[in-house]
PDB file of N, CA and C in Angstrom:
ATOM      1  N   MET A   1      14.085  -5.243  27.084  1.00  0.00           N
ATOM      2  CA  MET A   1      13.819  -4.708  25.774  1.00  0.00           C
ATOM      3  C   MET A   1      14.795  -5.454  24.733  1.00  0.00           C
ATOM      4  N   LYS A   2      14.211  -5.601  23.550  1.00  0.00           N
ATOM      5  CA  LYS A   2      14.937  -6.371  22.547  1.00  0.00           C
ATOM      6  C   LYS A   2      14.701  -5.774  21.219  1.00  0.00           C
ATOM      7  N   GLY A   3      15.680  -5.829  20.313  1.00  0.00           N
ATOM      8  CA  GLY A   3      15.462  -5.276  19.011  1.00  0.00           C
ATOM      9  C   GLY A   3      16.030  -3.939  18.774  1.00  0.00           C
ATOM     10  N   ASN A   4      15.719  -3.368  17.648  1.00  0.00           N
ATOM     11  CA  ASN A   4      16.220  -2.022  17.286  1.00  0.00           C
ATOM     12  C   ASN A   4      15.208  -1.022  17.693  1.00  0.00           C
ATOM     13  N   SER A   5      15.753   0.191  17.983  1.00  0.00           N
ATOM     14  CA  SER A   5      14.867   1.271  18.455  1.00  0.00           C
ATOM     15  C   SER A   5      13.935   1.729  17.325  1.00  0.00           C
ATOM     16  N   PRO A   6      12.740   2.155  17.672  1.00  0.00           N
ATOM     17  CA  PRO A   6      11.798   2.631  16.694  1.00  0.00           C
ATOM     18  C   PRO A   6      12.055   4.069  16.278  1.00  0.00           C
ATOM     19  N   VAL A   7      12.921   4.805  16.996  1.00  0.00           N
ATOM     20  CA  VAL A   7      13.150   6.164  16.638  1.00  0.00           C
ATOM     21  C   VAL A   7      14.490   6.365  15.887  1.00  0.00           C
ATOM     22  N   LEU A   8      14.586   7.322  15.073  1.00  0.00           N
ATOM     23  CA  LEU A   8      15.739   7.638  14.282  1.00  0.00           C
ATOM     24  C   LEU A   8      16.945   7.841  15.218  1.00  0.00           C
ATOM     25  N   PHE A   9      18.131   7.134  14.948  1.00  0.00           N
ATOM     26  CA  PHE A   9      19.341   7.175  15.740  1.00  0.00           C
ATOM     27  C   PHE A   9      19.102   6.705  17.172  1.00  0.00           C
ATOM     28  N   GLY A  10      18.121   5.901  17.346  1.00  0.00           N
ATOM     29  CA  GLY A  10      17.877   5.341  18.686  1.00  0.00           C
ATOM     30  C   GLY A  10      18.720   4.229  19.109  1.00  0.00           C
ATOM     31  N   GLY A  11      19.414   3.571  18.130  1.00  0.00           N
ATOM     32  CA  GLY A  11      20.302   2.519  18.447  1.00  0.00           C
ATOM     33  C   GLY A  11      19.873   1.174  17.873  1.00  0.00           C
ATOM     34  N   ASN A  12      20.843   0.273  17.713  1.00  0.00           N
ATOM     35  CA  ASN A  12      20.559  -1.079  17.200  1.00  0.00           C
ATOM     36  C   ASN A  12      20.860  -2.066  18.273  1.00  0.00           C
ATOM     37  N   GLU A  13      20.187  -3.178  18.149  1.00  0.00           N
ATOM     38  CA  GLU A  13      20.488  -4.295  19.043  1.00  0.00           C
ATOM     39  C   GLU A  13      21.919  -4.728  18.858  1.00  0.00           C
ATOM     40  N   ASP A  14      22.584  -5.041  19.948  1.00  0.00           N
ATOM     41  CA  ASP A  14      23.951  -5.561  19.931  1.00  0.00           C
ATOM     42  C   ASP A  14      24.936  -4.551  19.318  1.00  0.00           C
ATOM     43  N   ALA A  15      24.683  -3.246  19.502  1.00  0.00           N
ATOM     44  CA  ALA A  15      25.612  -2.161  19.039  1.00  0.00           C
ATOM     45  C   ALA A  15      25.543  -1.064  20.019  1.00  0.00           C
ATOM     46  N   GLY A  16      26.713  -0.393  20.189  1.00  0.00           N
ATOM     47  CA  GLY A  16      26.741   0.718  21.171  1.00  0.00           C
ATOM     48  C   GLY A  16      28.192   1.103  21.435  1.00  0.00           C
ATOM     49  N   SER A  17      28.386   1.772  22.552  1.00  0.00           N
ATOM     50  CA  SER A  17      29.716   2.216  22.912  1.00  0.00           C
ATOM     51  C   SER A  17      29.996   1.797  24.381  1.00  0.00           C
ATOM     52  N   TYR A  18      31.244   1.812  24.797  1.00  0.00           N
ATOM     53  CA  TYR A  18      31.632   1.590  26.153  1.00  0.00           C
ATOM     54  C   TYR A  18      32.824   2.460  26.406  1.00  0.00           C
ATOM     55  N   SER A  19      33.057   2.743  27.723  1.00  0.00           N
ATOM     56  CA  SER A  19      34.277   3.442  28.113  1.00  0.00           C
ATOM     57  C   SER A  19      34.704   2.980  29.447  1.00  0.00           C
ATOM     58  N   ILE A  20      35.979   3.125  29.705  1.00  0.00           N
ATOM     59  CA  ILE A  20      36.598   2.721  30.988  1.00  0.00           C
ATOM     60  C   ILE A  20      37.664   3.801  31.290  1.00  0.00           C
ATOM     61  N   GLY A  21      37.792   4.179  32.535  1.00  0.00           N
ATOM     62  CA  GLY A  21      38.690   5.228  32.840  1.00  0.00           C
ATOM     63  C   GLY A  21      38.864   5.492  34.350  1.00  0.00           C
ATOM     64  N   LEU A  22      39.672   6.449  34.568  1.00  0.00           N
ATOM     65  CA  LEU A  22      40.060   6.892  35.947  1.00  0.00           C
ATOM     66  C   LEU A  22      39.815   8.365  36.065  1.00  0.00           C
ATOM     67  N   ALA A  23      39.475   8.806  37.273  1.00  0.00           N
ATOM     68  CA  ALA A  23      39.259  10.219  37.527  1.00  0.00           C
ATOM     69  C   ALA A  23      40.042  10.600  38.856  1.00  0.00           C
ATOM     70  N   LEU A  24      40.584  11.746  38.879  1.00  0.00           N
ATOM     71  CA  LEU A  24      41.391  12.211  40.000  1.00  0.00           C
ATOM     72  C   LEU A  24      41.019  13.612  40.351  1.00  0.00           C
ATOM     73  N   ASP A  25      40.531  13.841  41.603  1.00  0.00           N
ATOM     74  CA  ASP A  25      40.241  15.132  42.114  1.00  0.00           C
ATOM     75  C   ASP A  25      41.385  15.649  42.941  1.00  0.00           C
ATOM     76  N   VAL A  26      41.915  16.861  42.709  1.00  0.00           N
ATOM     77  CA  VAL A  26      43.001  17.369  43.515  1.00  0.00           C
ATOM     78  C   VAL A  26      42.566  18.660  44.199  1.00  0.00           C
ATOM     79  N   ASP A  27      42.600  18.604  45.502  1.00  0.00           N
ATOM     80  CA  ASP A  27      42.218  19.720  46.357  1.00  0.00           C
ATOM     81  C   ASP A  27      40.773  20.293  46.038  1.00  0.00           C
ATOM     82  N   SER A  28      39.913  19.461  45.558  1.00  0.00           N
ATOM     83  CA  SER A  28      38.519  19.902  45.233  1.00  0.00           C
ATOM     84  C   SER A  28      38.509  21.063  44.244  1.00  0.00           C
ATOM     85  N   LYS A  29      39.642  21.230  43.567  1.00  0.00           N
ATOM     86  CA  LYS A  29      39.698  22.369  42.541  1.00  0.00           C
ATOM     87  C   LYS A  29      40.016  21.884  41.177  1.00  0.00           C
ATOM     88  N   TYR A  30      40.796  20.831  41.089  1.00  0.00           N
ATOM     89  CA  TYR A  30      41.227  20.320  39.782  1.00  0.00           C
ATOM     90  C   TYR A  30      40.691  18.885  39.597  1.00  0.00           C
ATOM     91  N   ARG A  31      40.345  18.593  38.361  1.00  0.00           N
ATOM     92  CA  ARG A  31      39.945  17.242  38.074  1.00  0.00           C
ATOM     93  C   ARG A  31      40.556  16.737  36.763  1.00  0.00           C
ATOM     94  N   PHE A  32      41.113  15.621  36.874  1.00  0.00           N
ATOM     95  CA  PHE A  32      41.740  15.001  35.720  1.00  0.00           C
ATOM     96  C   PHE A  32      40.980  13.650  35.407  1.00  0.00           C
ATOM     97  N   ASP A  33      40.642  13.490  34.086  1.00  0.00           N
ATOM     98  CA  ASP A  33      39.967  12.261  33.661  1.00  0.00           C
ATOM     99  C   ASP A  33      40.783  11.700  32.565  1.00  0.00           C
ATOM    100  N   LEU A  34      41.013  10.384  32.602  1.00  0.00           N
ATOM    101  CA  LEU A  34      41.658   9.558  31.576  1.00  0.00           C
ATOM    102  C   LEU A  34      40.681   8.456  31.238  1.00  0.00           C
ATOM    103  N   ARG A  35      40.214   8.486  29.944  1.00  0.00           N
ATOM    104  CA  ARG A  35      39.172   7.413  29.551  1.00  0.00           C
ATOM    105  C   ARG A  35      39.607   6.864  28.203  1.00  0.00           C
ATOM    106  N   TYR A  36      39.270   5.612  28.069  1.00  0.00           N
ATOM    107  CA  TYR A  36      39.338   4.930  26.737  1.00  0.00           C
ATOM    108  C   TYR A  36      37.871   4.700  26.328  1.00  0.00           C
ATOM    109  N   VAL A  37      37.484   5.093  25.123  1.00  0.00           N
ATOM    110  CA  VAL A  37      36.146   5.004  24.574  1.00  0.00           C
ATOM    111  C   VAL A  37      36.249   4.163  23.253  1.00  0.00           C
ATOM    112  N   ASP A  38      35.341   3.178  23.109  1.00  0.00           N
ATOM    113  CA  ASP A  38      35.300   2.405  21.970  1.00  0.00           C
ATOM    114  C   ASP A  38      33.855   2.006  21.585  1.00  0.00           C
ATOM    115  N   TYR A  39      33.656   1.520  20.418  1.00  0.00           N
ATOM    116  CA  TYR A  39      32.384   1.199  19.944  1.00  0.00           C
ATOM    117  C   TYR A  39      32.300  -0.287  19.551  1.00  0.00           C
ATOM    118  N   PHE A  40      31.086  -0.864  19.551  1.00  0.00           N
ATOM    119  CA  PHE A  40      30.879  -2.210  19.038  1.00  0.00           C
ATOM    120  C   PHE A  40      29.644  -2.332  18.298  1.00  0.00           C
ATOM    121  N   GLY A  41      29.632  -3.350  17.449  1.00  0.00           N
ATOM    122  CA  GLY A  41      28.437  -3.538  16.538  1.00  0.00           C
ATOM    123  C   GLY A  41      28.902  -4.450  15.363  1.00  0.00           C
ATOM    124  N   THR A  42      27.878  -4.756  14.552  1.00  0.00           N
ATOM    125  CA  THR A  42      28.244  -5.580  13.413  1.00  0.00           C
ATOM    126  C   THR A  42      27.809  -4.882  12.097  1.00  0.00           C
ATOM    127  N   LEU A  43      28.476  -5.114  11.016  1.00  0.00           N
ATOM    128  CA  LEU A  43      28.145  -4.610   9.727  1.00  0.00           C
ATOM    129  C   LEU A  43      27.551  -5.663   8.933  1.00  0.00           C
ATOM    130  N   ILE A  44      26.678  -5.324   7.904  1.00  0.00           N
ATOM    131  CA  ILE A  44      26.022  -6.286   7.075  1.00  0.00           C
ATOM    132  C   ILE A  44      27.079  -6.754   6.036  1.00  0.00           C
ATOM    133  N   PRO A  45      27.317  -8.092   5.981  1.00  0.00           N
ATOM    134  CA  PRO A  45      28.258  -8.580   4.948  1.00  0.00           C
ATOM    135  C   PRO A  45      27.661  -8.486   3.558  1.00  0.00           C
ATOM    136  N   ASP A  46      28.539  -8.431   2.504  1.00  0.00           N
ATOM    137  CA  ASP A  46      28.066  -8.347   1.167  1.00  0.00           C
ATOM    138  C   ASP A  46      27.619  -9.739   0.697  1.00  0.00           C
ATOM    139  N   ALA A  47      27.311  -9.902  -0.568  1.00  0.00           N
ATOM    140  CA  ALA A  47      26.851 -11.198  -1.097  1.00  0.00           C
ATOM    141  C   ALA A  47      27.788 -12.295  -0.926  1.00  0.00           C
ATOM    142  N   THR A  48      29.144 -12.065  -0.829  1.00  0.00           N
ATOM    143  CA  THR A  48      30.095 -13.121  -0.640  1.00  0.00           C
ATOM    144  C   THR A  48      30.373 -13.450   0.764  1.00  0.00           C
ATOM    145  N   GLY A  49      29.658 -12.749   1.718  1.00  0.00           N
ATOM    146  CA  GLY A  49      29.815 -13.039   3.116  1.00  0.00           C
ATOM    147  C   GLY A  49      30.996 -12.303   3.790  1.00  0.00           C
ATOM    148  N   THR A  50      31.600 -11.323   3.103  1.00  0.00           N
ATOM    149  CA  THR A  50      32.614 -10.552   3.733  1.00  0.00           C
ATOM    150  C   THR A  50      32.205  -9.102   3.921  1.00  0.00           C
ATOM    151  N   ILE A  51      32.858  -8.420   4.808  1.00  0.00           N
ATOM    152  CA  ILE A  51      32.632  -6.975   5.050  1.00  0.00           C
ATOM    153  C   ILE A  51      33.612  -6.268   4.046  1.00  0.00           C
ATOM    154  N   PRO A  52      33.076  -5.536   3.036  1.00  0.00           N
ATOM    155  CA  PRO A  52      33.953  -4.808   2.228  1.00  0.00           C
ATOM    156  C   PRO A  52      34.624  -3.669   2.872  1.00  0.00           C
ATOM    157  N   ALA A  53      35.840  -3.243   2.446  1.00  0.00           N
ATOM    158  CA  ALA A  53      36.545  -2.144   3.050  1.00  0.00           C
ATOM    159  C   ALA A  53      35.726  -0.857   2.686  1.00  0.00           C
ATOM    160  N   GLY A  54      35.568  -0.051   3.698  1.00  0.00           N
ATOM    161  CA  GLY A  54      34.778   1.176   3.640  1.00  0.00           C
ATOM    162  C   GLY A  54      33.331   0.930   3.657  1.00  0.00           C
ATOM    163  N   ALA A  55      32.915  -0.239   4.247  1.00  0.00           N
ATOM    164  CA  ALA A  55      31.494  -0.527   4.362  1.00  0.00           C
ATOM    165  C   ALA A  55      30.739   0.469   5.068  1.00  0.00           C
ATOM    166  N   THR A  56      29.503   0.748   4.625  1.00  0.00           N
ATOM    167  CA  THR A  56      28.672   1.749   5.211  1.00  0.00           C
ATOM    168  C   THR A  56      27.334   1.243   5.682  1.00  0.00           C
ATOM    169  N   ALA A  57      27.010  -0.005   5.410  1.00  0.00           N
ATOM    170  CA  ALA A  57      25.698  -0.532   5.780  1.00  0.00           C
ATOM    171  C   ALA A  57      25.790  -1.140   7.175  1.00  0.00           C
ATOM    172  N   THR A  58      24.824  -0.830   8.048  1.00  0.00           N
ATOM    173  CA  THR A  58      24.793  -1.313   9.403  1.00  0.00           C
ATOM    174  C   THR A  58      23.613  -2.327   9.472  1.00  0.00           C
ATOM    175  N   THR A  59      23.496  -3.027  10.566  1.00  0.00           N
ATOM    176  CA  THR A  59      22.466  -3.975  10.808  1.00  0.00           C
ATOM    177  C   THR A  59      21.067  -3.331  10.890  1.00  0.00           C
ATOM    178  N   GLY A  60      20.942  -2.045  10.974  1.00  0.00           N
ATOM    179  CA  GLY A  60      19.698  -1.348  11.048  1.00  0.00           C
ATOM    180  C   GLY A  60      19.937   0.134  10.763  1.00  0.00           C
ATOM    181  N   ALA A  61      18.893   0.860  10.548  1.00  0.00           N
ATOM    182  CA  ALA A  61      19.096   2.250  10.103  1.00  0.00           C
ATOM    183  C   ALA A  61      18.947   3.242  11.429  1.00  0.00           C
ATOM    184  N   ASN A  62      18.834   2.678  12.611  1.00  0.00           N
ATOM    185  CA  ASN A  62      18.588   3.482  13.717  1.00  0.00           C
ATOM    186  C   ASN A  62      19.800   3.879  14.525  1.00  0.00           C
ATOM    187  N   GLY A  63      20.993   3.477  14.167  1.00  0.00           N
ATOM    188  CA  GLY A  63      22.183   3.793  14.884  1.00  0.00           C
ATOM    189  C   GLY A  63      23.419   3.653  14.007  1.00  0.00           C
ATOM    190  N   LEU A  64      24.414   4.487  14.361  1.00  0.00           N
ATOM    191  CA  LEU A  64      25.654   4.506  13.483  1.00  0.00           C
ATOM    192  C   LEU A  64      26.843   3.948  14.259  1.00  0.00           C
ATOM    193  N   THR A  65      26.748   3.459  15.446  1.00  0.00           N
ATOM    194  CA  THR A  65      27.948   3.032  16.159  1.00  0.00           C
ATOM    195  C   THR A  65      28.747   1.914  15.534  1.00  0.00           C
ATOM    196  N   PRO A  66      28.102   0.927  14.745  1.00  0.00           N
ATOM    197  CA  PRO A  66      28.917  -0.059  14.160  1.00  0.00           C
ATOM    198  C   PRO A  66      29.926   0.507  13.153  1.00  0.00           C
ATOM    199  N   LEU A  67      29.561   1.700  12.550  1.00  0.00           N
ATOM    200  CA  LEU A  67      30.476   2.356  11.658  1.00  0.00           C
ATOM    201  C   LEU A  67      31.717   2.832  12.374  1.00  0.00           C
ATOM    202  N   LEU A  68      31.715   3.016  13.665  1.00  0.00           N
ATOM    203  CA  LEU A  68      32.683   3.610  14.424  1.00  0.00           C
ATOM    204  C   LEU A  68      33.572   2.496  15.176  1.00  0.00           C
ATOM    205  N   LYS A  69      33.383   1.268  14.912  1.00  0.00           N
ATOM    206  CA  LYS A  69      34.010   0.256  15.772  1.00  0.00           C
ATOM    207  C   LYS A  69      35.560   0.248  15.706  1.00  0.00           C
ATOM    208  N   ASP A  70      36.128   0.877  14.658  1.00  0.00           N
ATOM    209  CA  ASP A  70      37.578   0.934  14.530  1.00  0.00           C
ATOM    210  C   ASP A  70      38.098   2.314  14.970  1.00  0.00           C
ATOM    211  N   ARG A  71      37.233   3.042  15.763  1.00  0.00           N
ATOM    212  CA  ARG A  71      37.598   4.441  16.107  1.00  0.00           C
ATOM    213  C   ARG A  71      37.790   4.577  17.578  1.00  0.00           C
ATOM    214  N   GLY A  72      38.332   3.564  18.320  1.00  0.00           N
ATOM    215  CA  GLY A  72      38.636   3.724  19.731  1.00  0.00           C
ATOM    216  C   GLY A  72      39.540   4.889  19.997  1.00  0.00           C
ATOM    217  N   ALA A  73      39.340   5.559  21.095  1.00  0.00           N
ATOM    218  CA  ALA A  73      40.163   6.735  21.400  1.00  0.00           C
ATOM    219  C   ALA A  73      40.480   6.861  22.907  1.00  0.00           C
ATOM    220  N   VAL A  74      41.534   7.530  23.208  1.00  0.00           N
ATOM    221  CA  VAL A  74      41.905   7.793  24.586  1.00  0.00           C
ATOM    222  C   VAL A  74      41.696   9.281  24.770  1.00  0.00           C
ATOM    223  N   TYR A  75      40.980   9.731  25.836  1.00  0.00           N
ATOM    224  CA  TYR A  75      40.672  11.110  26.147  1.00  0.00           C
ATOM    225  C   TYR A  75      41.241  11.465  27.483  1.00  0.00           C
ATOM    226  N   LEU A  76      41.970  12.614  27.524  1.00  0.00           N
ATOM    227  CA  LEU A  76      42.497  13.187  28.745  1.00  0.00           C
ATOM    228  C   LEU A  76      41.809  14.488  28.927  1.00  0.00           C
ATOM    229  N   THR A  77      41.133  14.689  30.067  1.00  0.00           N
ATOM    230  CA  THR A  77      40.368  15.863  30.275  1.00  0.00           C
ATOM    231  C   THR A  77      40.826  16.542  31.596  1.00  0.00           C
ATOM    232  N   PHE A  78      41.025  17.830  31.539  1.00  0.00           N
ATOM    233  CA  PHE A  78      41.416  18.595  32.774  1.00  0.00           C
ATOM    234  C   PHE A  78      40.294  19.658  32.964  1.00  0.00           C
ATOM    235  N   LYS A  79      39.802  19.752  34.195  1.00  0.00           N
ATOM    236  CA  LYS A  79      38.767  20.750  34.615  1.00  0.00           C
ATOM    237  C   LYS A  79      39.286  21.419  35.846  1.00  0.00           C
ATOM    238  N   THR A  80      38.901  22.710  35.924  1.00  0.00           N
ATOM    239  CA  THR A  80      39.247  23.477  37.144  1.00  0.00           C
ATOM    240  C   THR A  80      38.064  24.301  37.521  1.00  0.00           C
ATOM    241  N   SER A  81      38.020  24.629  38.812  1.00  0.00           N
ATOM    242  CA  SER A  81      36.961  25.577  39.331  1.00  0.00           C
ATOM    243  C   SER A  81      37.630  26.594  40.205  1.00  0.00           C
ATOM    244  N   PHE A  82      37.036  27.745  40.246  1.00  0.00           N
ATOM    245  CA  PHE A  82      37.550  28.806  41.080  1.00  0.00           C
ATOM    246  C   PHE A  82      36.454  29.636  41.646  1.00  0.00           C
TER     247      PHE A  82
END
């Protein structure tokens, strides 16, 4: 498949998110997850060929992940069952 999605918020070509992390199960009762999540994509440059600060235009209207590419985050999750 190639190109942008035909549905609203379906995604753009060469844009998306990724994550990497570790999970630990303790006594089949507790679960700890540590993940790093980040986004990738390109923004449309202005007439001078630069990306203006606070740019809001993406390469297509079907996804917003390029707008989040400076929003990488680390998540620590704890779950328990009883």
